C-alpha atoms as a PDB file:
ATOM      1  CA  UNK A   1      -9.409 -10.553 -47.354  1.00  0.00           C
ATOM      2  CA  UNK A   2      -9.882 -10.141 -43.574  1.00  0.00           C
ATOM      3  CA  UNK A   3      -7.469 -11.949 -41.229  1.00  0.00           C
ATOM      4  CA  UNK A   4      -8.923 -14.626 -39.055  1.00  0.00           C
ATOM      5  CA  UNK A   5      -9.456 -14.236 -35.299  1.00  0.00           C
ATOM      6  CA  UNK A   6      -6.350 -16.322 -34.545  1.00  0.00           C
ATOM      7  CA  UNK A   7      -4.131 -13.656 -36.088  1.00  0.00           C
ATOM      8  CA  UNK A   8      -5.641 -10.960 -33.902  1.00  0.00           C
ATOM      9  CA  UNK A   9      -5.303 -13.219 -30.844  1.00  0.00           C
ATOM     10  CA  UNK A  10      -1.659 -13.864 -31.663  1.00  0.00           C
ATOM     11  CA  UNK A  11      -1.042 -10.112 -32.022  1.00  0.00           C
ATOM     12  CA  UNK A  12      -2.704  -9.411 -28.659  1.00  0.00           C
ATOM     13  CA  UNK A  13      -0.710 -12.182 -27.003  1.00  0.00           C
ATOM     14  CA  UNK A  14       2.535 -10.875 -28.476  1.00  0.00           C
ATOM     15  CA  UNK A  15       1.741  -7.372 -27.163  1.00  0.00           C
ATOM     16  CA  UNK A  16       0.911  -8.703 -23.711  1.00  0.00           C
ATOM     17  CA  UNK A  17       4.136 -10.706 -23.542  1.00  0.00           C
ATOM     18  CA  UNK A  18       6.133  -7.590 -24.594  1.00  0.00           C
ATOM     19  CA  UNK A  19       4.471  -5.526 -21.822  1.00  0.00           C
ATOM     20  CA  UNK A  20       5.146  -8.169 -19.166  1.00  0.00           C
ATOM     21  CA  UNK A  21       8.776  -8.658 -20.196  1.00  0.00           C
ATOM     22  CA  UNK A  22       9.487  -4.911 -20.254  1.00  0.00           C
ATOM     23  CA  UNK A  23       7.810  -4.249 -16.849  1.00  0.00           C
ATOM     24  CA  UNK A  24      10.098  -2.770 -14.198  1.00  0.00           C
ATOM     25  CA  UNK A  25       8.827  -3.411 -10.632  1.00  0.00           C
ATOM     26  CA  UNK A  26      11.231  -0.820  -9.235  1.00  0.00           C
ATOM     27  CA  UNK A  27       9.308   1.963 -11.000  1.00  0.00           C
ATOM     28  CA  UNK A  28       6.097   0.738  -9.369  1.00  0.00           C
ATOM     29  CA  UNK A  29       7.755   0.900  -5.925  1.00  0.00           C
ATOM     30  CA  UNK A  30       9.022   4.435  -6.725  1.00  0.00           C
ATOM     31  CA  UNK A  31       5.481   5.562  -7.500  1.00  0.00           C
ATOM     32  CA  UNK A  32       4.143   3.881  -4.365  1.00  0.00           C
ATOM     33  CA  UNK A  33       6.746   5.630  -2.165  1.00  0.00           C
ATOM     34  CA  UNK A  34       5.596   9.033  -3.451  1.00  0.00           C
ATOM     35  CA  UNK A  35       1.958   8.436  -2.559  1.00  0.00           C
ATOM     36  CA  UNK A  36       0.686  10.030   0.657  1.00  0.00           C
ATOM     37  CA  UNK A  37       0.538   7.734   3.662  1.00  0.00           C
ATOM     38  CA  UNK A  38      -2.908   6.638   4.776  1.00  0.00           C
ATOM     39  CA  UNK A  39      -3.724   6.677   8.498  1.00  0.00           C
ATOM     40  CA  UNK A  40      -4.213   3.308  10.139  1.00  0.00           C
ATOM     41  CA  UNK A  41      -7.811   2.242  10.418  1.00  0.00           C
ATOM     42  CA  UNK A  42      -9.122   1.826  13.931  1.00  0.00           C
ATOM     43  CA  UNK A  43     -10.816  -1.501  14.667  1.00  0.00           C
ATOM     44  CA  UNK A  44     -14.562  -1.373  15.230  1.00  0.00           C
ATOM     45  CA  UNK A  45     -15.433  -2.256  18.822  1.00  0.00           C
ATOM     46  CA  UNK A  46     -18.795  -4.007  18.972  1.00  0.00           C
ATOM     47  CA  UNK A  47     -20.792  -3.265  22.123  1.00  0.00           C
ATOM     48  CA  UNK A  48     -21.735  -6.313  24.167  1.00  0.00           C
ATOM     49  CA  UNK A  49     -24.995  -7.945  23.021  1.00  0.00           C
ATOM     50  CA  UNK A  50     -25.115  -6.176  19.603  1.00  0.00           C
ATOM     51  CA  UNK A  51     -25.047  -8.434  16.563  1.00  0.00           C
ATOM     52  CA  UNK A  52     -22.898  -7.878  13.489  1.00  0.00           C
ATOM     53  CA  UNK A  53     -25.997  -7.299  11.326  1.00  0.00           C
ATOM     54  CA  UNK A  54     -27.394  -4.709  13.713  1.00  0.00           C
ATOM     55  CA  UNK A  55     -24.102  -2.820  13.864  1.00  0.00           C
ATOM     56  CA  UNK A  56     -23.159  -2.822  10.174  1.00  0.00           C
ATOM     57  CA  UNK A  57     -26.463  -3.329   8.284  1.00  0.00           C
ATOM     58  CA  UNK A  58     -29.059  -1.826  10.578  1.00  0.00           C
ATOM     59  CA  UNK A  59     -30.761  -5.169  10.997  1.00  0.00           C
ATOM     60  CA  UNK A  60     -31.683  -6.155  14.438  1.00  0.00           C
END
């Protein structure tokens, strides 16, 4: 006999709850601190009289 879908759903829900409860945010911060720093992005300066579409999409 094959278990019904509800039993599989209950098993998946139980697994997800166990993962969420055992999650340690400090470990995520530790990993993030070891990543290389990204340079700051420079803002795009739009020349006077040029539309957004012309600048970013080549429409104009």
